[in-house]
């Protein structure tokens, strides 16, 4: 997994890249507010780690977009590389 983040601070743009393997997927439920469910993707790499939190609405939008493009994917293979 690869992550690119762009942040504006003091009028200048700084870009950060990171990534690694997804280590854990958490489903966060809130009994008091059931519409605020979220999914957390926890990742860890050599020089970076973090959590990406996706709301249920965002996940449904991603699923819809991928479903429309599914015919373009002929097959896939998962490859893991060791970084030096």
C-alpha atoms as a PDB file:
ATOM      1  CA  UNK A   1       0.000   0.000   0.000  1.00  0.00           C
ATOM      2  CA  UNK A   2       1.256   3.463  -0.813  1.00  0.00           C
ATOM      3  CA  UNK A   3       0.038   6.758   0.668  1.00  0.00           C
ATOM      4  CA  UNK A   4       0.640  10.282  -0.578  1.00  0.00           C
ATOM      5  CA  UNK A   5      -0.405  13.269   1.520  1.00  0.00           C
ATOM      6  CA  UNK A   6      -0.272  16.938   0.602  1.00  0.00           C
ATOM      7  CA  UNK A   7      -0.565  19.493   3.400  1.00  0.00           C
ATOM      8  CA  UNK A   8      -0.532  23.293   3.297  1.00  0.00           C
ATOM      9  CA  UNK A   9       1.281  24.893   6.219  1.00  0.00           C
ATOM     10  CA  UNK A  10       2.272  28.552   6.495  1.00  0.00           C
ATOM     11  CA  UNK A  11       1.451  29.098   2.820  1.00  0.00           C
ATOM     12  CA  UNK A  12       3.771  26.366   1.536  1.00  0.00           C
ATOM     13  CA  UNK A  13       2.834  22.902   0.340  1.00  0.00           C
ATOM     14  CA  UNK A  14       4.601  19.918   1.815  1.00  0.00           C
ATOM     15  CA  UNK A  15       4.222  16.438   0.389  1.00  0.00           C
ATOM     16  CA  UNK A  16       4.732  13.237   2.333  1.00  0.00           C
ATOM     17  CA  UNK A  17       4.859   9.711   0.965  1.00  0.00           C
ATOM     18  CA  UNK A  18       4.646   6.569   3.001  1.00  0.00           C
ATOM     19  CA  UNK A  19       3.353   3.096   2.900  1.00  0.00           C
ATOM     20  CA  UNK A  20       3.686  -0.468   3.957  1.00  0.00           C
ATOM     21  CA  UNK A  21       1.617  -3.568   4.544  1.00  0.00           C
ATOM     22  CA  UNK A  22      -1.875  -3.485   6.009  1.00  0.00           C
ATOM     23  CA  UNK A  23      -1.486  -5.184   9.381  1.00  0.00           C
ATOM     24  CA  UNK A  24      -4.984  -4.902  10.812  1.00  0.00           C
ATOM     25  CA  UNK A  25      -8.490  -3.842   9.815  1.00  0.00           C
ATOM     26  CA  UNK A  26     -10.717  -2.546  12.611  1.00  0.00           C
ATOM     27  CA  UNK A  27     -14.450  -1.914  12.457  1.00  0.00           C
ATOM     28  CA  UNK A  28     -15.358   0.890  14.843  1.00  0.00           C
ATOM     29  CA  UNK A  29     -18.967   0.809  15.997  1.00  0.00           C
ATOM     30  CA  UNK A  30     -20.659   3.407  18.129  1.00  0.00           C
ATOM     31  CA  UNK A  31     -23.772   2.151  19.924  1.00  0.00           C
ATOM     32  CA  UNK A  32     -24.955   5.679  20.732  1.00  0.00           C
ATOM     33  CA  UNK A  33     -24.556   6.878  17.136  1.00  0.00           C
ATOM     34  CA  UNK A  34     -24.929   3.883  14.792  1.00  0.00           C
ATOM     35  CA  UNK A  35     -24.544   6.065  11.679  1.00  0.00           C
ATOM     36  CA  UNK A  36     -20.963   6.992  12.661  1.00  0.00           C
ATOM     37  CA  UNK A  37     -19.427   3.586  11.986  1.00  0.00           C
ATOM     38  CA  UNK A  38     -15.930   3.628  10.514  1.00  0.00           C
ATOM     39  CA  UNK A  39     -13.330   1.200   9.246  1.00  0.00           C
ATOM     40  CA  UNK A  40      -9.690   1.695  10.211  1.00  0.00           C
ATOM     41  CA  UNK A  41      -6.879   0.354   8.041  1.00  0.00           C
ATOM     42  CA  UNK A  42      -3.733   0.035  10.171  1.00  0.00           C
ATOM     43  CA  UNK A  43      -0.495  -0.139   8.197  1.00  0.00           C
ATOM     44  CA  UNK A  44       3.192  -0.380   8.964  1.00  0.00           C
ATOM     45  CA  UNK A  45       6.188   0.082   6.712  1.00  0.00           C
ATOM     46  CA  UNK A  46       9.929   0.427   7.134  1.00  0.00           C
ATOM     47  CA  UNK A  47       9.918   4.189   7.801  1.00  0.00           C
ATOM     48  CA  UNK A  48       6.225   4.898   8.224  1.00  0.00           C
ATOM     49  CA  UNK A  49       3.077   3.665   9.919  1.00  0.00           C
ATOM     50  CA  UNK A  50      -0.410   4.968  10.426  1.00  0.00           C
ATOM     51  CA  UNK A  51      -4.132   4.489  10.403  1.00  0.00           C
ATOM     52  CA  UNK A  52      -6.518   5.367   7.600  1.00  0.00           C
ATOM     53  CA  UNK A  53     -10.075   5.806   8.847  1.00  0.00           C
ATOM     54  CA  UNK A  54     -12.877   5.456   6.298  1.00  0.00           C
ATOM     55  CA  UNK A  55     -16.512   6.186   7.062  1.00  0.00           C
ATOM     56  CA  UNK A  56     -19.232   3.822   5.935  1.00  0.00           C
ATOM     57  CA  UNK A  57     -20.444   6.400   3.389  1.00  0.00           C
ATOM     58  CA  UNK A  58     -16.957   6.745   1.904  1.00  0.00           C
ATOM     59  CA  UNK A  59     -16.578   2.961   1.755  1.00  0.00           C
ATOM     60  CA  UNK A  60     -19.869   2.659  -0.134  1.00  0.00           C
ATOM     61  CA  UNK A  61     -18.696   5.317  -2.620  1.00  0.00           C
ATOM     62  CA  UNK A  62     -15.413   3.437  -3.166  1.00  0.00           C
ATOM     63  CA  UNK A  63     -17.315   0.165  -3.619  1.00  0.00           C
ATOM     64  CA  UNK A  64     -19.650   1.762  -6.170  1.00  0.00           C
ATOM     65  CA  UNK A  65     -16.750   3.243  -8.149  1.00  0.00           C
ATOM     66  CA  UNK A  66     -14.856  -0.066  -8.171  1.00  0.00           C
ATOM     67  CA  UNK A  67     -17.956  -2.027  -9.125  1.00  0.00           C
ATOM     68  CA  UNK A  68     -18.387   0.128 -12.245  1.00  0.00           C
ATOM     69  CA  UNK A  69     -14.732  -0.429 -13.245  1.00  0.00           C
ATOM     70  CA  UNK A  70     -14.642  -4.146 -12.394  1.00  0.00           C
ATOM     71  CA  UNK A  71     -14.797  -5.150 -16.057  1.00  0.00           C
ATOM     72  CA  UNK A  72     -11.400  -3.485 -16.639  1.00  0.00           C
ATOM     73  CA  UNK A  73      -9.641  -5.812 -14.187  1.00  0.00           C
ATOM     74  CA  UNK A  74      -8.730  -9.060 -15.915  1.00  0.00           C
ATOM     75  CA  UNK A  75      -6.882 -10.547 -12.958  1.00  0.00           C
ATOM     76  CA  UNK A  76      -4.497  -9.617 -10.215  1.00  0.00           C
ATOM     77  CA  UNK A  77      -1.553 -10.988  -8.317  1.00  0.00           C
ATOM     78  CA  UNK A  78      -0.311  -9.916  -4.903  1.00  0.00           C
ATOM     79  CA  UNK A  79       3.458  -9.427  -4.829  1.00  0.00           C
ATOM     80  CA  UNK A  80       5.563  -8.617  -1.764  1.00  0.00           C
ATOM     81  CA  UNK A  81       8.991  -7.045  -2.018  1.00  0.00           C
ATOM     82  CA  UNK A  82      11.628  -6.630   0.686  1.00  0.00           C
ATOM     83  CA  UNK A  83      12.847  -3.057   0.949  1.00  0.00           C
ATOM     84  CA  UNK A  84      16.511  -2.428   1.620  1.00  0.00           C
END
